């Protein structure tokens, strides 16, 4: 009888020792930031709402295989900011261009 209780107690202790790290790693994985593929999957999945069957499959394939847009070059930023600054003059234009060109796009 004492052996059975000892075995049960040992098993309970061992299982609780393994359960704590498993739950800790599960919560750490849930709070970890998504990598680019995970965020792409989440975005494509949200965009595919309402699609079913082959239409959804084709959409997801296209969406997931799409390459991310290349970051804007300084020259591209300059063109865009210049177009947006139309009508501004003097200090107002200078301040707008400084803000526009320093913004991350």
PDB file of N, CA and C in Angstrom:
ATOM      1  N   UNK A   1       0.820  -1.192   0.000  1.00  0.00           N
ATOM      2  CA  UNK A   1       0.000   0.000   0.000  1.00  0.00           C
ATOM      3  C   UNK A   1       0.870   1.265   0.000  1.00  0.00           C
ATOM      4  N   UNK A   2       1.923   1.239   0.830  1.00  0.00           N
ATOM      5  CA  UNK A   2       2.808   2.397   0.904  1.00  0.00           C
ATOM      6  C   UNK A   2       3.529   2.608  -0.429  1.00  0.00           C
ATOM      7  N   UNK A   3       3.860   1.476  -1.110  1.00  0.00           N
ATOM      8  CA  UNK A   3       4.534   1.589  -2.399  1.00  0.00           C
ATOM      9  C   UNK A   3       3.617   2.235  -3.433  1.00  0.00           C
ATOM     10  N   UNK A   4       2.351   1.898  -3.422  1.00  0.00           N
ATOM     11  CA  UNK A   4       1.387   2.464  -4.369  1.00  0.00           C
ATOM     12  C   UNK A   4       1.265   3.966  -4.142  1.00  0.00           C
ATOM     13  N   UNK A   5       1.171   4.382  -2.887  1.00  0.00           N
ATOM     14  CA  UNK A   5       1.055   5.808  -2.565  1.00  0.00           C
ATOM     15  C   UNK A   5       2.333   6.535  -2.973  1.00  0.00           C
ATOM     16  N   UNK A   6       3.468   5.921  -2.735  1.00  0.00           N
ATOM     17  CA  UNK A   6       4.738   6.530  -3.109  1.00  0.00           C
ATOM     18  C   UNK A   6       4.844   6.684  -4.626  1.00  0.00           C
ATOM     19  N   UNK A   7       4.393   5.664  -5.364  1.00  0.00           N
ATOM     20  CA  UNK A   7       4.428   5.724  -6.832  1.00  0.00           C
ATOM     21  C   UNK A   7       3.486   6.813  -7.335  1.00  0.00           C
ATOM     22  N   UNK A   8       2.292   6.892  -6.773  1.00  0.00           N
ATOM     23  CA  UNK A   8       1.326   7.913  -7.179  1.00  0.00           C
ATOM     24  C   UNK A   8       1.864   9.305  -6.863  1.00  0.00           C
ATOM     25  N   UNK A   9       2.453   9.469  -5.702  1.00  0.00           N
ATOM     26  CA  UNK A   9       3.017  10.768  -5.322  1.00  0.00           C
ATOM     27  C   UNK A   9       4.169  11.137  -6.249  1.00  0.00           C
ATOM     28  N   UNK A  10       5.018  10.174  -6.563  1.00  0.00           N
ATOM     29  CA  UNK A  10       6.145  10.441  -7.458  1.00  0.00           C
ATOM     30  C   UNK A  10       5.650  10.802  -8.849  1.00  0.00           C
ATOM     31  N   UNK A  11       4.645  10.089  -9.323  1.00  0.00           N
ATOM     32  CA  UNK A  11       4.079  10.386 -10.633  1.00  0.00           C
ATOM     33  C   UNK A  11       3.459  11.776 -10.650  1.00  0.00           C
ATOM     34  N   UNK A  12       2.731  12.122  -9.604  1.00  0.00           N
ATOM     35  CA  UNK A  12       2.125  13.454  -9.513  1.00  0.00           C
ATOM     36  C   UNK A  12       3.164  14.552  -9.490  1.00  0.00           C
ATOM     37  N   UNK A  13       4.249  14.331  -8.749  1.00  0.00           N
ATOM     38  CA  UNK A  13       5.327  15.308  -8.694  1.00  0.00           C
ATOM     39  C   UNK A  13       6.011  15.455 -10.045  1.00  0.00           C
ATOM     40  N   UNK A  14       6.273  14.333 -10.681  1.00  0.00           N
ATOM     41  CA  UNK A  14       6.948  14.356 -11.984  1.00  0.00           C
ATOM     42  C   UNK A  14       6.083  15.035 -13.035  1.00  0.00           C
ATOM     43  N   UNK A  15       4.798  14.746 -13.034  1.00  0.00           N
ATOM     44  CA  UNK A  15       3.929  15.360 -14.048  1.00  0.00           C
ATOM     45  C   UNK A  15       3.770  16.852 -13.814  1.00  0.00           C
ATOM     46  N   UNK A  16       3.766  17.281 -12.554  1.00  0.00           N
ATOM     47  CA  UNK A  16       3.656  18.721 -12.297  1.00  0.00           C
ATOM     48  C   UNK A  16       4.944  19.438 -12.669  1.00  0.00           C
ATOM     49  N   UNK A  17       6.070  18.759 -12.542  1.00  0.00           N
ATOM     50  CA  UNK A  17       7.348  19.365 -12.923  1.00  0.00           C
ATOM     51  C   UNK A  17       7.423  19.569 -14.428  1.00  0.00           C
ATOM     52  N   UNK A  18       6.823  18.652 -15.195  1.00  0.00           N
ATOM     53  CA  UNK A  18       6.827  18.785 -16.650  1.00  0.00           C
ATOM     54  C   UNK A  18       5.724  19.708 -17.138  1.00  0.00           C
ATOM     55  N   UNK A  19       4.658  19.830 -16.408  1.00  0.00           N
ATOM     56  CA  UNK A  19       3.530  20.648 -16.839  1.00  0.00           C
ATOM     57  C   UNK A  19       3.855  22.131 -16.747  1.00  0.00           C
ATOM     58  N   UNK A  20       4.574  22.546 -15.739  1.00  0.00           N
ATOM     59  CA  UNK A  20       4.872  23.968 -15.562  1.00  0.00           C
ATOM     60  C   UNK A  20       5.715  24.519 -16.709  1.00  0.00           C
ATOM     61  N   UNK A  21       6.814  23.871 -17.088  1.00  0.00           N
ATOM     62  CA  UNK A  21       7.582  24.417 -18.213  1.00  0.00           C
ATOM     63  C   UNK A  21       6.809  24.373 -19.520  1.00  0.00           C
ATOM     64  N   UNK A  22       5.980  23.382 -19.714  1.00  0.00           N
ATOM     65  CA  UNK A  22       5.215  23.299 -20.954  1.00  0.00           C
ATOM     66  C   UNK A  22       4.236  24.457 -21.054  1.00  0.00           C
ATOM     67  N   UNK A  23       3.559  24.777 -19.949  1.00  0.00           N
ATOM     68  CA  UNK A  23       2.612  25.886 -20.001  1.00  0.00           C
ATOM     69  C   UNK A  23       3.342  27.217 -20.121  1.00  0.00           C
ATOM     70  N   UNK A  24       4.512  27.307 -19.516  1.00  0.00           N
ATOM     71  CA  UNK A  24       5.287  28.544 -19.632  1.00  0.00           C
ATOM     72  C   UNK A  24       5.748  28.756 -21.065  1.00  0.00           C
ATOM     73  N   UNK A  25       6.192  27.678 -21.722  1.00  0.00           N
ATOM     74  CA  UNK A  25       6.641  27.834 -23.100  1.00  0.00           C
ATOM     75  C   UNK A  25       5.473  28.100 -24.038  1.00  0.00           C
ATOM     76  N   UNK A  26       4.309  27.557 -23.732  1.00  0.00           N
ATOM     77  CA  UNK A  26       3.132  27.810 -24.562  1.00  0.00           C
ATOM     78  C   UNK A  26       2.719  29.272 -24.472  1.00  0.00           C
ATOM     79  N   UNK A  27       2.757  29.827 -23.260  1.00  0.00           N
ATOM     80  CA  UNK A  27       2.389  31.236 -23.132  1.00  0.00           C
ATOM     81  C   UNK A  27       3.455  32.140 -23.734  1.00  0.00           C
ATOM     82  N   UNK A  28       4.713  31.724 -23.662  1.00  0.00           N
ATOM     83  CA  UNK A  28       5.784  32.512 -24.280  1.00  0.00           C
ATOM     84  C   UNK A  28       5.642  32.490 -25.791  1.00  0.00           C
ATOM     85  N   UNK A  29       5.262  31.352 -26.349  1.00  0.00           N
ATOM     86  CA  UNK A  29       5.075  31.262 -27.793  1.00  0.00           C
ATOM     87  C   UNK A  29       3.888  32.102 -28.242  1.00  0.00           C
ATOM     88  N   UNK A  30       2.859  32.154 -27.421  1.00  0.00           N
ATOM     89  CA  UNK A  30       1.683  32.938 -27.784  1.00  0.00           C
ATOM     90  C   UNK A  30       1.978  34.435 -27.753  1.00  0.00           C
ATOM     91  N   UNK A  31       2.860  34.859 -26.850  1.00  0.00           N
ATOM     92  CA  UNK A  31       3.147  36.288 -26.749  1.00  0.00           C
ATOM     93  C   UNK A  31       4.335  36.712 -27.606  1.00  0.00           C
ATOM     94  N   UNK A  32       5.037  35.753 -28.211  1.00  0.00           N
ATOM     95  CA  UNK A  32       6.180  36.087 -29.051  1.00  0.00           C
ATOM     96  C   UNK A  32       5.715  36.817 -30.303  1.00  0.00           C
ATOM     97  N   UNK A  33       6.495  37.761 -30.793  1.00  0.00           N
ATOM     98  CA  UNK A  33       6.094  38.483 -31.996  1.00  0.00           C
ATOM     99  C   UNK A  33       6.066  37.540 -33.205  1.00  0.00           C
ATOM    100  N   UNK A  34       5.165  37.823 -34.104  1.00  0.00           N
ATOM    101  CA  UNK A  34       5.026  37.000 -35.300  1.00  0.00           C
ATOM    102  C   UNK A  34       6.173  37.281 -36.254  1.00  0.00           C
ATOM    103  N   UNK A  35       6.605  36.233 -36.951  1.00  0.00           N
ATOM    104  CA  UNK A  35       7.604  36.460 -37.985  1.00  0.00           C
ATOM    105  C   UNK A  35       6.886  36.925 -39.245  1.00  0.00           C
ATOM    106  N   UNK A  36       7.626  37.242 -40.267  1.00  0.00           N
ATOM    107  CA  UNK A  36       7.015  37.824 -41.458  1.00  0.00           C
ATOM    108  C   UNK A  36       6.044  36.859 -42.128  1.00  0.00           C
ATOM    109  N   UNK A  37       6.355  35.567 -42.148  1.00  0.00           N
ATOM    110  CA  UNK A  37       5.446  34.599 -42.775  1.00  0.00           C
ATOM    111  C   UNK A  37       4.151  34.491 -41.986  1.00  0.00           C
ATOM    112  N   UNK A  38       4.240  34.516 -40.653  1.00  0.00           N
ATOM    113  CA  UNK A  38       3.040  34.438 -39.829  1.00  0.00           C
ATOM    114  C   UNK A  38       2.173  35.681 -40.014  1.00  0.00           C
ATOM    115  N   UNK A  39       2.779  36.836 -40.069  1.00  0.00           N
ATOM    116  CA  UNK A  39       1.990  38.050 -40.248  1.00  0.00           C
ATOM    117  C   UNK A  39       1.388  38.094 -41.653  1.00  0.00           C
ATOM    118  N   UNK A  40       2.132  37.592 -42.650  1.00  0.00           N
ATOM    119  CA  UNK A  40       1.609  37.535 -44.010  1.00  0.00           C
ATOM    120  C   UNK A  40       0.402  36.594 -44.061  1.00  0.00           C
ATOM    121  N   UNK A  41       0.514  35.449 -43.362  1.00  0.00           N
ATOM    122  CA  UNK A  41      -0.583  34.480 -43.328  1.00  0.00           C
ATOM    123  C   UNK A  41      -1.823  35.097 -42.674  1.00  0.00           C
ATOM    124  N   UNK A  42      -1.617  35.826 -41.584  1.00  0.00           N
ATOM    125  CA  UNK A  42      -2.736  36.468 -40.898  1.00  0.00           C
ATOM    126  C   UNK A  42      -3.410  37.503 -41.801  1.00  0.00           C
ATOM    127  N   UNK A  43      -2.604  38.287 -42.506  1.00  0.00           N
ATOM    128  CA  UNK A  43      -3.147  39.313 -43.393  1.00  0.00           C
ATOM    129  C   UNK A  43      -3.916  38.682 -44.553  1.00  0.00           C
ATOM    130  N   UNK A  44      -3.314  37.680 -45.184  1.00  0.00           N
ATOM    131  CA  UNK A  44      -3.974  37.013 -46.316  1.00  0.00           C
ATOM    132  C   UNK A  44      -5.246  36.323 -45.874  1.00  0.00           C
ATOM    133  N   UNK A  45      -5.206  35.716 -44.695  1.00  0.00           N
ATOM    134  CA  UNK A  45      -6.379  35.024 -44.171  1.00  0.00           C
ATOM    135  C   UNK A  45      -7.523  36.009 -43.931  1.00  0.00           C
ATOM    136  N   UNK A  46      -7.200  37.174 -43.406  1.00  0.00           N
ATOM    137  CA  UNK A  46      -8.232  38.192 -43.169  1.00  0.00           C
ATOM    138  C   UNK A  46      -8.790  38.708 -44.497  1.00  0.00           C
ATOM    139  N   UNK A  47      -7.928  38.874 -45.502  1.00  0.00           N
ATOM    140  CA  UNK A  47      -8.367  39.359 -46.808  1.00  0.00           C
ATOM    141  C   UNK A  47      -9.205  38.323 -47.551  1.00  0.00           C
ATOM    142  N   UNK A  48      -9.031  37.043 -47.216  1.00  0.00           N
ATOM    143  CA  UNK A  48      -9.750  35.969 -47.901  1.00  0.00           C
ATOM    144  C   UNK A  48     -11.127  35.706 -47.296  1.00  0.00           C
ATOM    145  N   UNK A  49     -11.542  36.517 -46.357  1.00  0.00           N
ATOM    146  CA  UNK A  49     -12.844  36.321 -45.724  1.00  0.00           C
ATOM    147  C   UNK A  49     -13.940  36.336 -46.780  1.00  0.00           C
ATOM    148  N   UNK A  50     -14.814  35.356 -46.713  1.00  0.00           N
ATOM    149  CA  UNK A  50     -15.923  35.282 -47.651  1.00  0.00           C
ATOM    150  C   UNK A  50     -15.650  34.410 -48.860  1.00  0.00           C
ATOM    151  N   UNK A  51     -14.400  34.071 -49.107  1.00  0.00           N
ATOM    152  CA  UNK A  51     -14.063  33.206 -50.240  1.00  0.00           C
ATOM    153  C   UNK A  51     -14.094  31.754 -49.769  1.00  0.00           C
ATOM    154  N   UNK A  52     -14.486  30.859 -50.657  1.00  0.00           N
ATOM    155  CA  UNK A  52     -14.571  29.443 -50.294  1.00  0.00           C
ATOM    156  C   UNK A  52     -14.016  28.581 -51.407  1.00  0.00           C
ATOM    157  N   UNK A  53     -13.582  27.388 -51.031  1.00  0.00           N
ATOM    158  CA  UNK A  53     -13.170  26.382 -52.001  1.00  0.00           C
ATOM    159  C   UNK A  53     -11.979  26.783 -52.843  1.00  0.00           C
ATOM    160  N   UNK A  54     -12.101  26.515 -54.159  1.00  0.00           N
ATOM    161  CA  UNK A  54     -10.997  26.776 -55.083  1.00  0.00           C
ATOM    162  C   UNK A  54     -10.662  28.262 -55.186  1.00  0.00           C
ATOM    163  N   UNK A  55     -11.673  29.105 -55.066  1.00  0.00           N
ATOM    164  CA  UNK A  55     -11.436  30.551 -55.129  1.00  0.00           C
ATOM    165  C   UNK A  55     -10.531  30.988 -53.969  1.00  0.00           C
ATOM    166  N   UNK A  56     -10.823  30.488 -52.759  1.00  0.00           N
ATOM    167  CA  UNK A  56     -10.006  30.821 -51.588  1.00  0.00           C
ATOM    168  C   UNK A  56      -8.593  30.257 -51.741  1.00  0.00           C
ATOM    169  N   UNK A  57      -8.495  29.020 -52.201  1.00  0.00           N
ATOM    170  CA  UNK A  57      -7.194  28.375 -52.371  1.00  0.00           C
ATOM    171  C   UNK A  57      -6.323  29.169 -53.348  1.00  0.00           C
ATOM    172  N   UNK A  58      -6.911  29.586 -54.465  1.00  0.00           N
ATOM    173  CA  UNK A  58      -6.167  30.366 -55.461  1.00  0.00           C
ATOM    174  C   UNK A  58      -5.761  31.722 -54.896  1.00  0.00           C
ATOM    175  N   UNK A  59      -6.671  32.353 -54.159  1.00  0.00           N
ATOM    176  CA  UNK A  59      -6.371  33.654 -53.569  1.00  0.00           C
ATOM    177  C   UNK A  59      -5.225  33.539 -52.561  1.00  0.00           C
ATOM    178  N   UNK A  60      -5.286  32.541 -51.685  1.00  0.00           N
ATOM    179  CA  UNK A  60      -4.257  32.364 -50.664  1.00  0.00           C
ATOM    180  C   UNK A  60      -2.898  32.068 -51.308  1.00  0.00           C
ATOM    181  N   UNK A  61      -2.892  31.256 -52.366  1.00  0.00           N
ATOM    182  CA  UNK A  61      -1.633  30.941 -53.053  1.00  0.00           C
ATOM    183  C   UNK A  61      -1.016  32.213 -53.610  1.00  0.00           C
ATOM    184  N   UNK A  62      -1.822  33.022 -54.261  1.00  0.00           N
ATOM    185  CA  UNK A  62      -1.345  34.276 -54.857  1.00  0.00           C
ATOM    186  C   UNK A  62      -0.881  35.254 -53.770  1.00  0.00           C
ATOM    187  N   UNK A  63      -1.677  35.371 -52.724  1.00  0.00           N
ATOM    188  CA  UNK A  63      -1.371  36.314 -51.652  1.00  0.00           C
ATOM    189  C   UNK A  63      -0.086  35.928 -50.918  1.00  0.00           C
ATOM    190  N   UNK A  64       0.063  34.651 -50.590  1.00  0.00           N
ATOM    191  CA  UNK A  64       1.235  34.218 -49.835  1.00  0.00           C
ATOM    192  C   UNK A  64       2.507  34.218 -50.665  1.00  0.00           C
ATOM    193  N   UNK A  65       2.377  34.079 -51.977  1.00  0.00           N
ATOM    194  CA  UNK A  65       3.574  34.064 -52.811  1.00  0.00           C
ATOM    195  C   UNK A  65       3.986  35.464 -53.261  1.00  0.00           C
ATOM    196  N   UNK A  66       3.153  36.449 -53.005  1.00  0.00           N
ATOM    197  CA  UNK A  66       3.459  37.825 -53.404  1.00  0.00           C
ATOM    198  C   UNK A  66       4.667  38.339 -52.633  1.00  0.00           C
ATOM    199  N   UNK A  67       5.549  39.006 -53.326  1.00  0.00           N
ATOM    200  CA  UNK A  67       6.735  39.587 -52.709  1.00  0.00           C
ATOM    201  C   UNK A  67       6.345  40.903 -52.033  1.00  0.00           C
ATOM    202  N   UNK A  68       6.946  41.205 -50.880  1.00  0.00           N
ATOM    203  CA  UNK A  68       6.648  42.486 -50.238  1.00  0.00           C
ATOM    204  C   UNK A  68       7.173  43.637 -51.088  1.00  0.00           C
ATOM    205  N   UNK A  69       6.528  44.755 -50.980  1.00  0.00           N
ATOM    206  CA  UNK A  69       6.948  45.925 -51.745  1.00  0.00           C
ATOM    207  C   UNK A  69       8.338  46.360 -51.309  1.00  0.00           C
ATOM    208  N   UNK A  70       9.126  46.758 -52.282  1.00  0.00           N
ATOM    209  CA  UNK A  70      10.480  47.224 -51.979  1.00  0.00           C
ATOM    210  C   UNK A  70      10.389  48.535 -51.211  1.00  0.00           C
ATOM    211  N   UNK A  71      11.278  48.747 -50.259  1.00  0.00           N
ATOM    212  CA  UNK A  71      11.244  50.002 -49.523  1.00  0.00           C
ATOM    213  C   UNK A  71      11.507  51.182 -50.460  1.00  0.00           C
ATOM    214  N   UNK A  72      10.866  52.279 -50.163  1.00  0.00           N
ATOM    215  CA  UNK A  72      10.995  53.468 -51.009  1.00  0.00           C
ATOM    216  C   UNK A  72      12.417  54.018 -50.932  1.00  0.00           C
ATOM    217  N   UNK A  73      12.947  54.342 -52.080  1.00  0.00           N
ATOM    218  CA  UNK A  73      14.274  54.948 -52.112  1.00  0.00           C
ATOM    219  C   UNK A  73      14.133  56.431 -51.781  1.00  0.00           C
ATOM    220  N   UNK A  74      15.233  57.068 -51.502  1.00  0.00           N
ATOM    221  CA  UNK A  74      15.199  58.496 -51.184  1.00  0.00           C
ATOM    222  C   UNK A  74      14.668  59.290 -52.370  1.00  0.00           C
ATOM    223  N   UNK A  75      15.022  58.859 -53.567  1.00  0.00           N
ATOM    224  CA  UNK A  75      14.562  59.549 -54.775  1.00  0.00           C
ATOM    225  C   UNK A  75      13.035  59.414 -54.912  1.00  0.00           C
ATOM    226  N   UNK A  76      12.514  58.216 -54.637  1.00  0.00           N
ATOM    227  CA  UNK A  76      11.064  58.018 -54.690  1.00  0.00           C
ATOM    228  C   UNK A  76      10.359  58.880 -53.651  1.00  0.00           C
ATOM    229  N   UNK A  77      10.933  58.936 -52.446  1.00  0.00           N
ATOM    230  CA  UNK A  77      10.355  59.773 -51.395  1.00  0.00           C
ATOM    231  C   UNK A  77      10.323  61.233 -51.842  1.00  0.00           C
ATOM    232  N   UNK A  78      11.423  61.675 -52.468  1.00  0.00           N
ATOM    233  CA  UNK A  78      11.517  63.067 -52.912  1.00  0.00           C
ATOM    234  C   UNK A  78      10.425  63.386 -53.916  1.00  0.00           C
ATOM    235  N   UNK A  79      10.203  62.484 -54.877  1.00  0.00           N
ATOM    236  CA  UNK A  79       9.157  62.693 -55.881  1.00  0.00           C
ATOM    237  C   UNK A  79       7.783  62.784 -55.225  1.00  0.00           C
ATOM    238  N   UNK A  80       7.513  61.850 -54.320  1.00  0.00           N
ATOM    239  CA  UNK A  80       6.205  61.826 -53.653  1.00  0.00           C
ATOM    240  C   UNK A  80       6.002  63.069 -52.793  1.00  0.00           C
ATOM    241  N   UNK A  81       7.009  63.421 -52.021  1.00  0.00           N
ATOM    242  CA  UNK A  81       6.894  64.586 -51.145  1.00  0.00           C
ATOM    243  C   UNK A  81       6.760  65.876 -51.949  1.00  0.00           C
ATOM    244  N   UNK A  82       7.492  65.985 -53.059  1.00  0.00           N
ATOM    245  CA  UNK A  82       7.376  67.159 -53.917  1.00  0.00           C
ATOM    246  C   UNK A  82       5.958  67.294 -54.457  1.00  0.00           C
ATOM    247  N   UNK A  83       5.378  66.174 -54.881  1.00  0.00           N
ATOM    248  CA  UNK A  83       4.017  66.221 -55.412  1.00  0.00           C
ATOM    249  C   UNK A  83       3.032  66.629 -54.317  1.00  0.00           C
ATOM    250  N   UNK A  84       3.245  66.120 -53.102  1.00  0.00           N
ATOM    251  CA  UNK A  84       2.342  66.442 -51.993  1.00  0.00           C
ATOM    252  C   UNK A  84       2.517  67.878 -51.498  1.00  0.00           C
ATOM    253  N   UNK A  85       3.676  68.473 -51.746  1.00  0.00           N
ATOM    254  CA  UNK A  85       3.958  69.817 -51.253  1.00  0.00           C
ATOM    255  C   UNK A  85       3.480  70.908 -52.204  1.00  0.00           C
ATOM    256  N   UNK A  86       2.821  70.528 -53.281  1.00  0.00           N
ATOM    257  CA  UNK A  86       2.331  71.510 -54.242  1.00  0.00           C
ATOM    258  C   UNK A  86       1.419  72.518 -53.538  1.00  0.00           C
ATOM    259  N   UNK A  87       1.695  73.794 -53.759  1.00  0.00           N
ATOM    260  CA  UNK A  87       0.884  74.848 -53.157  1.00  0.00           C
ATOM    261  C   UNK A  87       1.474  75.409 -51.874  1.00  0.00           C
ATOM    262  N   UNK A  88       2.439  74.735 -51.296  1.00  0.00           N
ATOM    263  CA  UNK A  88       3.072  75.237 -50.077  1.00  0.00           C
ATOM    264  C   UNK A  88       4.290  76.061 -50.475  1.00  0.00           C
ATOM    265  N   UNK A  89       4.577  77.098 -49.688  1.00  0.00           N
ATOM    266  CA  UNK A  89       5.705  77.969 -49.996  1.00  0.00           C
ATOM    267  C   UNK A  89       6.468  78.306 -48.723  1.00  0.00           C
ATOM    268  N   UNK A  90       7.734  78.656 -48.899  1.00  0.00           N
ATOM    269  CA  UNK A  90       8.561  79.156 -47.798  1.00  0.00           C
ATOM    270  C   UNK A  90       8.769  78.160 -46.677  1.00  0.00           C
ATOM    271  N   UNK A  91       8.642  78.683 -45.450  1.00  0.00           N
ATOM    272  CA  UNK A  91       8.889  77.864 -44.255  1.00  0.00           C
ATOM    273  C   UNK A  91       7.898  76.705 -44.143  1.00  0.00           C
ATOM    274  N   UNK A  92       6.668  76.944 -44.597  1.00  0.00           N
ATOM    275  CA  UNK A  92       5.666  75.877 -44.539  1.00  0.00           C
ATOM    276  C   UNK A  92       6.104  74.692 -45.402  1.00  0.00           C
ATOM    277  N   UNK A  93       6.592  74.975 -46.611  1.00  0.00           N
ATOM    278  CA  UNK A  93       7.053  73.913 -47.519  1.00  0.00           C
ATOM    279  C   UNK A  93       8.292  73.213 -46.953  1.00  0.00           C
ATOM    280  N   UNK A  94       9.213  74.014 -46.397  1.00  0.00           N
ATOM    281  CA  UNK A  94      10.444  73.469 -45.845  1.00  0.00           C
ATOM    282  C   UNK A  94      10.120  72.499 -44.692  1.00  0.00           C
ATOM    283  N   UNK A  95       9.220  72.912 -43.817  1.00  0.00           N
ATOM    284  CA  UNK A  95       8.838  72.068 -42.684  1.00  0.00           C
ATOM    285  C   UNK A  95       8.131  70.794 -43.164  1.00  0.00           C
ATOM    286  N   UNK A  96       7.260  70.963 -44.159  1.00  0.00           N
ATOM    287  CA  UNK A  96       6.550  69.801 -44.698  1.00  0.00           C
ATOM    288  C   UNK A  96       7.520  68.818 -45.330  1.00  0.00           C
ATOM    289  N   UNK A  97       8.460  69.303 -46.132  1.00  0.00           N
ATOM    290  CA  UNK A  97       9.416  68.429 -46.808  1.00  0.00           C
ATOM    291  C   UNK A  97      10.301  67.713 -45.794  1.00  0.00           C
ATOM    292  N   UNK A  98      10.726  68.403 -44.763  1.00  0.00           N
ATOM    293  CA  UNK A  98      11.554  67.779 -43.737  1.00  0.00           C
ATOM    294  C   UNK A  98      10.804  66.639 -43.073  1.00  0.00           C
ATOM    295  N   UNK A  99       9.561  66.880 -42.709  1.00  0.00           N
ATOM    296  CA  UNK A  99       8.733  65.851 -42.065  1.00  0.00           C
ATOM    297  C   UNK A  99       8.461  64.695 -43.026  1.00  0.00           C
ATOM    298  N   UNK A 100       8.125  65.018 -44.247  1.00  0.00           N
ATOM    299  CA  UNK A 100       7.777  63.997 -45.246  1.00  0.00           C
ATOM    300  C   UNK A 100       8.973  63.107 -45.565  1.00  0.00           C
ATOM    301  N   UNK A 101      10.141  63.707 -45.767  1.00  0.00           N
ATOM    302  CA  UNK A 101      11.330  62.935 -46.148  1.00  0.00           C
ATOM    303  C   UNK A 101      11.888  62.110 -44.991  1.00  0.00           C
ATOM    304  N   UNK A 102      11.652  62.537 -43.768  1.00  0.00           N
ATOM    305  CA  UNK A 102      12.177  61.782 -42.630  1.00  0.00           C
ATOM    306  C   UNK A 102      11.222  60.669 -42.196  1.00  0.00           C
ATOM    307  N   UNK A 103       9.986  60.707 -42.684  1.00  0.00           N
ATOM    308  CA  UNK A 103       9.004  59.670 -42.313  1.00  0.00           C
ATOM    309  C   UNK A 103       9.403  58.326 -42.934  1.00  0.00           C
ATOM    310  N   UNK A 104       9.214  57.256 -42.172  1.00  0.00           N
ATOM    311  CA  UNK A 104       9.515  55.908 -42.675  1.00  0.00           C
ATOM    312  C   UNK A 104       8.331  55.431 -43.477  1.00  0.00           C
ATOM    313  N   UNK A 105       8.596  55.019 -44.709  1.00  0.00           N
ATOM    314  CA  UNK A 105       7.521  54.529 -45.582  1.00  0.00           C
ATOM    315  C   UNK A 105       7.820  53.142 -46.033  1.00  0.00           C
TER     316      UNK A 105
END
